[in-house]
Amino acid sequence: MSAATALRVVGSRPLVHLVDSPVAIRLLQVELLSAKQTYTAIAAKAQVSSSTVSNIASGVTRWPRLETIIRILSALGWEVVAKRKE
């Protein structure tokens, strides 16, 4: 089981179950492209570089670390919850 299997992201939309990295990365790209904030502002909130945010949004960075995905989603107003499967 991958580390992302038990990760769920809670936002204004229904729960999104992040089963694998491509799902998480695509969710992040969609959120970045629809954000009403600059990449610089998002990066500052996420404590990552603005080039990291830009590269993920544009697809230049194809496999960002899970920690980076979580930081940016949190900066975009998502609540990230990890739960052990029962």
PDB file of N, CA and C in Angstrom:
ATOM      1  N   MET A   1       0.841  -1.173   0.000  1.00  0.00           N
ATOM      2  CA  MET A   1       0.000   0.000   0.000  1.00  0.00           C
ATOM      3  C   MET A   1       0.886   1.236   0.000  1.00  0.00           C
ATOM      4  N   SER A   2       0.608   2.169  -0.892  1.00  0.00           N
ATOM      5  CA  SER A   2       1.380   3.408  -0.929  1.00  0.00           C
ATOM      6  C   SER A   2       0.939   4.338   0.191  1.00  0.00           C
ATOM      7  N   ALA A   3       1.792   5.294   0.520  1.00  0.00           N
ATOM      8  CA  ALA A   3       1.490   6.237   1.594  1.00  0.00           C
ATOM      9  C   ALA A   3       0.257   7.064   1.285  1.00  0.00           C
ATOM     10  N   ALA A   4      -0.025   7.294   0.006  1.00  0.00           N
ATOM     11  CA  ALA A   4      -1.157   8.140  -0.368  1.00  0.00           C
ATOM     12  C   ALA A   4      -2.485   7.395  -0.354  1.00  0.00           C
ATOM     13  N   THR A   5      -2.448   6.065  -0.214  1.00  0.00           N
ATOM     14  CA  THR A   5      -3.684   5.299  -0.272  1.00  0.00           C
ATOM     15  C   THR A   5      -4.683   5.732   0.790  1.00  0.00           C
ATOM     16  N   ALA A   6      -4.199   6.034   1.983  1.00  0.00           N
ATOM     17  CA  ALA A   6      -5.102   6.376   3.075  1.00  0.00           C
ATOM     18  C   ALA A   6      -5.301   7.880   3.233  1.00  0.00           C
ATOM     19  N   LEU A   7      -4.827   8.644   2.289  1.00  0.00           N
ATOM     20  CA  LEU A   7      -4.912  10.099   2.386  1.00  0.00           C
ATOM     21  C   LEU A   7      -6.180  10.592   1.724  1.00  0.00           C
ATOM     22  N   ARG A   8      -6.934  11.418   2.440  1.00  0.00           N
ATOM     23  CA  ARG A   8      -8.118  12.034   1.859  1.00  0.00           C
ATOM     24  C   ARG A   8      -7.986  13.535   2.009  1.00  0.00           C
ATOM     25  N   VAL A   9      -8.444  14.256   1.021  1.00  0.00           N
ATOM     26  CA  VAL A   9      -8.386  15.705   1.062  1.00  0.00           C
ATOM     27  C   VAL A   9      -9.810  16.220   1.185  1.00  0.00           C
ATOM     28  N   VAL A  10     -10.044  17.065   2.189  1.00  0.00           N
ATOM     29  CA  VAL A  10     -11.367  17.590   2.454  1.00  0.00           C
ATOM     30  C   VAL A  10     -11.384  19.058   2.056  1.00  0.00           C
ATOM     31  N   GLY A  11     -12.278  19.422   1.184  1.00  0.00           N
ATOM     32  CA  GLY A  11     -12.402  20.816   0.766  1.00  0.00           C
ATOM     33  C   GLY A  11     -13.862  21.187   0.647  1.00  0.00           C
ATOM     34  N   SER A  12     -14.138  22.207  -0.110  1.00  0.00           N
ATOM     35  CA  SER A  12     -15.513  22.629  -0.301  1.00  0.00           C
ATOM     36  C   SER A  12     -16.270  21.647  -1.193  1.00  0.00           C
ATOM     37  N   ARG A  13     -15.543  20.826  -1.890  1.00  0.00           N
ATOM     38  CA  ARG A  13     -16.136  19.792  -2.735  1.00  0.00           C
ATOM     39  C   ARG A  13     -16.206  18.489  -1.946  1.00  0.00           C
ATOM     40  N   PRO A  14     -16.838  17.472  -2.519  1.00  0.00           N
ATOM     41  CA  PRO A  14     -16.869  16.168  -1.828  1.00  0.00           C
ATOM     42  C   PRO A  14     -15.459  15.650  -1.560  1.00  0.00           C
ATOM     43  N   LEU A  15     -15.348  14.671  -0.684  1.00  0.00           N
ATOM     44  CA  LEU A  15     -14.053  14.078  -0.373  1.00  0.00           C
ATOM     45  C   LEU A  15     -13.387  13.544  -1.634  1.00  0.00           C
ATOM     46  N   VAL A  16     -12.104  13.736  -1.703  1.00  0.00           N
ATOM     47  CA  VAL A  16     -11.311  13.198  -2.808  1.00  0.00           C
ATOM     48  C   VAL A  16     -10.349  12.199  -2.189  1.00  0.00           C
ATOM     49  N   HIS A  17     -10.447  10.969  -2.597  1.00  0.00           N
ATOM     50  CA  HIS A  17      -9.574   9.920  -2.076  1.00  0.00           C
ATOM     51  C   HIS A  17      -8.352   9.831  -2.981  1.00  0.00           C
ATOM     52  N   LEU A  18      -7.207  10.174  -2.434  1.00  0.00           N
ATOM     53  CA  LEU A  18      -5.976  10.157  -3.226  1.00  0.00           C
ATOM     54  C   LEU A  18      -5.370   8.759  -3.191  1.00  0.00           C
ATOM     55  N   VAL A  19      -5.705   7.977  -4.187  1.00  0.00           N
ATOM     56  CA  VAL A  19      -5.259   6.594  -4.243  1.00  0.00           C
ATOM     57  C   VAL A  19      -3.818   6.485  -4.731  1.00  0.00           C
ATOM     58  N   ASP A  20      -3.434   7.345  -5.647  1.00  0.00           N
ATOM     59  CA  ASP A  20      -2.070   7.287  -6.167  1.00  0.00           C
ATOM     60  C   ASP A  20      -1.609   8.687  -6.544  1.00  0.00           C
ATOM     61  N   SER A  21      -0.345   8.799  -6.830  1.00  0.00           N
ATOM     62  CA  SER A  21       0.255  10.098  -7.116  1.00  0.00           C
ATOM     63  C   SER A  21      -0.357  10.821  -8.307  1.00  0.00           C
ATOM     64  N   PRO A  22      -0.641  10.164  -9.446  1.00  0.00           N
ATOM     65  CA  PRO A  22      -1.217  10.906 -10.566  1.00  0.00           C
ATOM     66  C   PRO A  22      -2.531  11.604 -10.221  1.00  0.00           C
ATOM     67  N   VAL A  23      -3.353  10.970  -9.387  1.00  0.00           N
ATOM     68  CA  VAL A  23      -4.615  11.586  -8.970  1.00  0.00           C
ATOM     69  C   VAL A  23      -4.340  12.843  -8.154  1.00  0.00           C
ATOM     70  N   ALA A  24      -3.419  12.753  -7.215  1.00  0.00           N
ATOM     71  CA  ALA A  24      -3.072  13.897  -6.373  1.00  0.00           C
ATOM     72  C   ALA A  24      -2.468  15.025  -7.196  1.00  0.00           C
ATOM     73  N   ILE A  25      -1.599  14.691  -8.128  1.00  0.00           N
ATOM     74  CA  ILE A  25      -0.941  15.704  -8.952  1.00  0.00           C
ATOM     75  C   ILE A  25      -1.957  16.391  -9.851  1.00  0.00           C
ATOM     76  N   ARG A  26      -2.852  15.645 -10.446  1.00  0.00           N
ATOM     77  CA  ARG A  26      -3.876  16.244 -11.322  1.00  0.00           C
ATOM     78  C   ARG A  26      -4.803  17.158 -10.521  1.00  0.00           C
ATOM     79  N   LEU A  27      -5.212  16.718  -9.338  1.00  0.00           N
ATOM     80  CA  LEU A  27      -6.041  17.555  -8.472  1.00  0.00           C
ATOM     81  C   LEU A  27      -5.322  18.871  -8.180  1.00  0.00           C
ATOM     82  N   LEU A  28      -4.056  18.791  -7.845  1.00  0.00           N
ATOM     83  CA  LEU A  28      -3.275  19.985  -7.535  1.00  0.00           C
ATOM     84  C   LEU A  28      -3.178  20.908  -8.751  1.00  0.00           C
ATOM     85  N   GLN A  29      -2.925  20.355  -9.922  1.00  0.00           N
ATOM     86  CA  GLN A  29      -2.836  21.176 -11.133  1.00  0.00           C
ATOM     87  C   GLN A  29      -4.158  21.898 -11.415  1.00  0.00           C
ATOM     88  N   VAL A  30      -5.259  21.192 -11.306  1.00  0.00           N
ATOM     89  CA  VAL A  30      -6.573  21.804 -11.544  1.00  0.00           C
ATOM     90  C   VAL A  30      -6.817  22.933 -10.546  1.00  0.00           C
ATOM     91  N   GLU A  31      -6.492  22.690  -9.290  1.00  0.00           N
ATOM     92  CA  GLU A  31      -6.691  23.712  -8.258  1.00  0.00           C
ATOM     93  C   GLU A  31      -5.803  24.932  -8.496  1.00  0.00           C
ATOM     94  N   LEU A  32      -4.569  24.706  -8.901  1.00  0.00           N
ATOM     95  CA  LEU A  32      -3.665  25.823  -9.164  1.00  0.00           C
ATOM     96  C   LEU A  32      -4.135  26.653 -10.353  1.00  0.00           C
ATOM     97  N   LEU A  33      -4.558  25.984 -11.404  1.00  0.00           N
ATOM     98  CA  LEU A  33      -4.987  26.692 -12.605  1.00  0.00           C
ATOM     99  C   LEU A  33      -6.279  27.476 -12.395  1.00  0.00           C
ATOM    100  N   SER A  34      -7.090  27.052 -11.432  1.00  0.00           N
ATOM    101  CA  SER A  34      -8.347  27.757 -11.170  1.00  0.00           C
ATOM    102  C   SER A  34      -8.256  28.713  -9.972  1.00  0.00           C
ATOM    103  N   ALA A  35      -7.097  28.768  -9.340  1.00  0.00           N
ATOM    104  CA  ALA A  35      -6.922  29.623  -8.154  1.00  0.00           C
ATOM    105  C   ALA A  35      -7.018  31.098  -8.526  1.00  0.00           C
ATOM    106  N   LYS A  36      -7.561  31.865  -7.617  1.00  0.00           N
ATOM    107  CA  LYS A  36      -7.685  33.305  -7.834  1.00  0.00           C
ATOM    108  C   LYS A  36      -6.557  34.056  -7.118  1.00  0.00           C
ATOM    109  N   GLN A  37      -5.475  33.347  -6.840  1.00  0.00           N
ATOM    110  CA  GLN A  37      -4.295  33.923  -6.199  1.00  0.00           C
ATOM    111  C   GLN A  37      -3.110  33.775  -7.162  1.00  0.00           C
ATOM    112  N   THR A  38      -2.113  34.608  -6.971  1.00  0.00           N
ATOM    113  CA  THR A  38      -0.898  34.457  -7.775  1.00  0.00           C
ATOM    114  C   THR A  38      -0.116  33.250  -7.261  1.00  0.00           C
ATOM    115  N   TYR A  39       0.717  32.711  -8.124  1.00  0.00           N
ATOM    116  CA  TYR A  39       1.570  31.599  -7.706  1.00  0.00           C
ATOM    117  C   TYR A  39       2.516  32.039  -6.593  1.00  0.00           C
ATOM    118  N   THR A  40       2.928  33.286  -6.627  1.00  0.00           N
ATOM    119  CA  THR A  40       3.810  33.818  -5.584  1.00  0.00           C
ATOM    120  C   THR A  40       3.111  33.804  -4.227  1.00  0.00           C
ATOM    121  N   ALA A  41       1.845  34.207  -4.185  1.00  0.00           N
ATOM    122  CA  ALA A  41       1.084  34.218  -2.927  1.00  0.00           C
ATOM    123  C   ALA A  41       0.846  32.794  -2.421  1.00  0.00           C
ATOM    124  N   ILE A  42       0.520  31.895  -3.329  1.00  0.00           N
ATOM    125  CA  ILE A  42       0.307  30.493  -2.948  1.00  0.00           C
ATOM    126  C   ILE A  42       1.607  29.904  -2.414  1.00  0.00           C
ATOM    127  N   ALA A  43       2.699  30.173  -3.100  1.00  0.00           N
ATOM    128  CA  ALA A  43       4.008  29.655  -2.683  1.00  0.00           C
ATOM    129  C   ALA A  43       4.382  30.157  -1.301  1.00  0.00           C
ATOM    130  N   ALA A  44       4.125  31.430  -1.020  1.00  0.00           N
ATOM    131  CA  ALA A  44       4.457  31.988   0.295  1.00  0.00           C
ATOM    132  C   ALA A  44       3.664  31.278   1.392  1.00  0.00           C
ATOM    133  N   LYS A  45       2.375  31.047   1.146  1.00  0.00           N
ATOM    134  CA  LYS A  45       1.541  30.343   2.139  1.00  0.00           C
ATOM    135  C   LYS A  45       2.000  28.899   2.328  1.00  0.00           C
ATOM    136  N   ALA A  46       2.423  28.272   1.230  1.00  0.00           N
ATOM    137  CA  ALA A  46       2.837  26.862   1.275  1.00  0.00           C
ATOM    138  C   ALA A  46       4.280  26.677   1.715  1.00  0.00           C
ATOM    139  N   GLN A  47       5.014  27.772   1.798  1.00  0.00           N
ATOM    140  CA  GLN A  47       6.433  27.747   2.143  1.00  0.00           C
ATOM    141  C   GLN A  47       7.243  26.913   1.143  1.00  0.00           C
ATOM    142  N   VAL A  48       6.936  27.146  -0.138  1.00  0.00           N
ATOM    143  CA  VAL A  48       7.710  26.565  -1.229  1.00  0.00           C
ATOM    144  C   VAL A  48       8.030  27.710  -2.194  1.00  0.00           C
ATOM    145  N   SER A  49       8.875  27.467  -3.166  1.00  0.00           N
ATOM    146  CA  SER A  49       9.226  28.540  -4.108  1.00  0.00           C
ATOM    147  C   SER A  49       8.107  28.738  -5.126  1.00  0.00           C
ATOM    148  N   SER A  50       8.013  29.951  -5.651  1.00  0.00           N
ATOM    149  CA  SER A  50       6.999  30.223  -6.671  1.00  0.00           C
ATOM    150  C   SER A  50       7.290  29.438  -7.944  1.00  0.00           C
ATOM    151  N   SER A  51       8.563  29.159  -8.208  1.00  0.00           N
ATOM    152  CA  SER A  51       8.891  28.344  -9.382  1.00  0.00           C
ATOM    153  C   SER A  51       8.392  26.905  -9.206  1.00  0.00           C
ATOM    154  N   THR A  52       8.393  26.408  -7.975  1.00  0.00           N
ATOM    155  CA  THR A  52       7.845  25.066  -7.711  1.00  0.00           C
ATOM    156  C   THR A  52       6.365  25.043  -8.043  1.00  0.00           C
ATOM    157  N   VAL A  53       5.628  26.042  -7.588  1.00  0.00           N
ATOM    158  CA  VAL A  53       4.191  26.117  -7.853  1.00  0.00           C
ATOM    159  C   VAL A  53       3.942  26.232  -9.351  1.00  0.00           C
ATOM    160  N   SER A  54       4.662  27.110 -10.016  1.00  0.00           N
ATOM    161  CA  SER A  54       4.508  27.304 -11.454  1.00  0.00           C
ATOM    162  C   SER A  54       4.846  26.037 -12.226  1.00  0.00           C
ATOM    163  N   ASN A  55       5.928  25.374 -11.852  1.00  0.00           N
ATOM    164  CA  ASN A  55       6.349  24.156 -12.548  1.00  0.00           C
ATOM    165  C   ASN A  55       5.351  23.019 -12.377  1.00  0.00           C
ATOM    166  N   ILE A  56       4.734  22.913 -11.211  1.00  0.00           N
ATOM    167  CA  ILE A  56       3.716  21.881 -10.996  1.00  0.00           C
ATOM    168  C   ILE A  56       2.479  22.208 -11.826  1.00  0.00           C
ATOM    169  N   ALA A  57       2.045  23.462 -11.791  1.00  0.00           N
ATOM    170  CA  ALA A  57       0.846  23.866 -12.533  1.00  0.00           C
ATOM    171  C   ALA A  57       1.002  23.644 -14.035  1.00  0.00           C
ATOM    172  N   SER A  58       2.185  23.908 -14.549  1.00  0.00           N
ATOM    173  CA  SER A  58       2.411  23.790 -15.994  1.00  0.00           C
ATOM    174  C   SER A  58       2.777  22.377 -16.433  1.00  0.00           C
ATOM    175  N   GLY A  59       3.063  21.501 -15.481  1.00  0.00           N
ATOM    176  CA  GLY A  59       3.426  20.126 -15.820  1.00  0.00           C
ATOM    177  C   GLY A  59       4.909  19.900 -16.005  1.00  0.00           C
ATOM    178  N   VAL A  60       5.724  20.944 -15.814  1.00  0.00           N
ATOM    179  CA  VAL A  60       7.181  20.788 -15.916  1.00  0.00           C
ATOM    180  C   VAL A  60       7.670  19.822 -14.845  1.00  0.00           C
ATOM    181  N   THR A  61       7.177  20.009 -13.615  1.00  0.00           N
ATOM    182  CA  THR A  61       7.471  19.057 -12.541  1.00  0.00           C
ATOM    183  C   THR A  61       6.381  18.000 -12.582  1.00  0.00           C
ATOM    184  N   ARG A  62       6.752  16.820 -12.999  1.00  0.00           N
ATOM    185  CA  ARG A  62       5.758  15.755 -13.187  1.00  0.00           C
ATOM    186  C   ARG A  62       5.489  14.941 -11.938  1.00  0.00           C
ATOM    187  N   TRP A  63       6.456  14.858 -11.028  1.00  0.00           N
ATOM    188  CA  TRP A  63       6.302  14.018  -9.843  1.00  0.00           C
ATOM    189  C   TRP A  63       6.726  14.768  -8.578  1.00  0.00           C
ATOM    190  N   PRO A  64       5.959  15.779  -8.156  1.00  0.00           N
ATOM    191  CA  PRO A  64       6.322  16.487  -6.922  1.00  0.00           C
ATOM    192  C   PRO A  64       6.179  15.556  -5.711  1.00  0.00           C
ATOM    193  N   ARG A  65       6.913  15.882  -4.674  1.00  0.00           N
ATOM    194  CA  ARG A  65       6.833  15.079  -3.445  1.00  0.00           C
ATOM    195  C   ARG A  65       5.448  15.249  -2.814  1.00  0.00           C
ATOM    196  N   LEU A  66       4.991  14.222  -2.120  1.00  0.00           N
ATOM    197  CA  LEU A  66       3.690  14.267  -1.452  1.00  0.00           C
ATOM    198  C   LEU A  66       3.630  15.429  -0.472  1.00  0.00           C
ATOM    199  N   GLU A  67       4.714  15.693   0.227  1.00  0.00           N
ATOM    200  CA  GLU A  67       4.755  16.815   1.168  1.00  0.00           C
ATOM    201  C   GLU A  67       4.479  18.138   0.462  1.00  0.00           C
ATOM    202  N   THR A  68       5.024  18.306  -0.731  1.00  0.00           N
ATOM    203  CA  THR A  68       4.811  19.530  -1.504  1.00  0.00           C
ATOM    204  C   THR A  68       3.351  19.643  -1.935  1.00  0.00           C
ATOM    205  N   ILE A  69       2.780  18.542  -2.378  1.00  0.00           N
ATOM    206  CA  ILE A  69       1.368  18.524  -2.762  1.00  0.00           C
ATOM    207  C   ILE A  69       0.492  18.937  -1.582  1.00  0.00           C
ATOM    208  N   ILE A  70       0.763  18.368  -0.419  1.00  0.00           N
ATOM    209  CA  ILE A  70      -0.018  18.667   0.776  1.00  0.00           C
ATOM    210  C   ILE A  70       0.129  20.132   1.168  1.00  0.00           C
ATOM    211  N   ARG A  71       1.338  20.652   1.143  1.00  0.00           N
ATOM    212  CA  ARG A  71       1.568  22.057   1.500  1.00  0.00           C
ATOM    213  C   ARG A  71       0.783  23.004   0.586  1.00  0.00           C
ATOM    214  N   ILE A  72       0.827  22.733  -0.710  1.00  0.00           N
ATOM    215  CA  ILE A  72       0.159  23.625  -1.659  1.00  0.00           C
ATOM    216  C   ILE A  72      -1.357  23.495  -1.549  1.00  0.00           C
ATOM    217  N   LEU A  73      -1.868  22.275  -1.437  1.00  0.00           N
ATOM    218  CA  LEU A  73      -3.311  22.115  -1.258  1.00  0.00           C
ATOM    219  C   LEU A  73      -3.783  22.821   0.011  1.00  0.00           C
ATOM    220  N   SER A  74      -3.011  22.720   1.076  1.00  0.00           N
ATOM    221  CA  SER A  74      -3.356  23.417   2.323  1.00  0.00           C
ATOM    222  C   SER A  74      -3.377  24.925   2.113  1.00  0.00           C
ATOM    223  N   ALA A  75      -2.411  25.435   1.362  1.00  0.00           N
ATOM    224  CA  ALA A  75      -2.358  26.870   1.070  1.00  0.00           C
ATOM    225  C   ALA A  75      -3.556  27.318   0.237  1.00  0.00           C
ATOM    226  N   LEU A  76      -4.120  26.394  -0.521  1.00  0.00           N
ATOM    227  CA  LEU A  76      -5.286  26.699  -1.354  1.00  0.00           C
ATOM    228  C   LEU A  76      -6.604  26.522  -0.592  1.00  0.00           C
ATOM    229  N   GLY A  77      -6.508  26.209   0.694  1.00  0.00           N
ATOM    230  CA  GLY A  77      -7.715  26.108   1.509  1.00  0.00           C
ATOM    231  C   GLY A  77      -8.265  24.708   1.705  1.00  0.00           C
ATOM    232  N   TRP A  78      -7.499  23.706   1.301  1.00  0.00           N
ATOM    233  CA  TRP A  78      -7.916  22.319   1.505  1.00  0.00           C
ATOM    234  C   TRP A  78      -7.430  21.830   2.863  1.00  0.00           C
ATOM    235  N   GLU A  79      -8.191  20.958   3.477  1.00  0.00           N
ATOM    236  CA  GLU A  79      -7.789  20.299   4.717  1.00  0.00           C
ATOM    237  C   GLU A  79      -7.347  18.892   4.335  1.00  0.00           C
ATOM    238  N   VAL A  80      -6.149  18.541   4.726  1.00  0.00           N
ATOM    239  CA  VAL A  80      -5.612  17.223   4.386  1.00  0.00           C
ATOM    240  C   VAL A  80      -5.638  16.350   5.627  1.00  0.00           C
ATOM    241  N   VAL A  81      -6.258  15.184   5.493  1.00  0.00           N
ATOM    242  CA  VAL A  81      -6.443  14.279   6.622  1.00  0.00           C
ATOM    243  C   VAL A  81      -5.910  12.900   6.248  1.00  0.00           C
ATOM    244  N   ALA A  82      -5.047  12.349   7.069  1.00  0.00           N
ATOM    245  CA  ALA A  82      -4.571  10.985   6.858  1.00  0.00           C
ATOM    246  C   ALA A  82      -5.226  10.110   7.908  1.00  0.00           C
ATOM    247  N   LYS A  83      -5.745   8.978   7.474  1.00  0.00           N
ATOM    248  CA  LYS A  83      -6.486   8.093   8.372  1.00  0.00           C
ATOM    249  C   LYS A  83      -6.087   6.661   8.108  1.00  0.00           C
ATOM    250  N   ARG A  84      -5.866   5.914   9.168  1.00  0.00           N
ATOM    251  CA  ARG A  84      -5.547   4.494   9.028  1.00  0.00           C
ATOM    252  C   ARG A  84      -6.816   3.753   8.599  1.00  0.00           C
ATOM    253  N   LYS A  85      -6.655   2.863   7.625  1.00  0.00           N
ATOM    254  CA  LYS A  85      -7.792   2.062   7.168  1.00  0.00           C
ATOM    255  C   LYS A  85      -8.226   1.130   8.286  1.00  0.00           C
ATOM    256  N   GLU A  86      -9.509   0.950   8.387  1.00  0.00           N
ATOM    257  CA  GLU A  86     -10.050   0.048   9.427  1.00  0.00           C
ATOM    258  C   GLU A  86     -10.244  -1.336   8.894  1.00  0.00           C
TER     259      GLU A  86
END
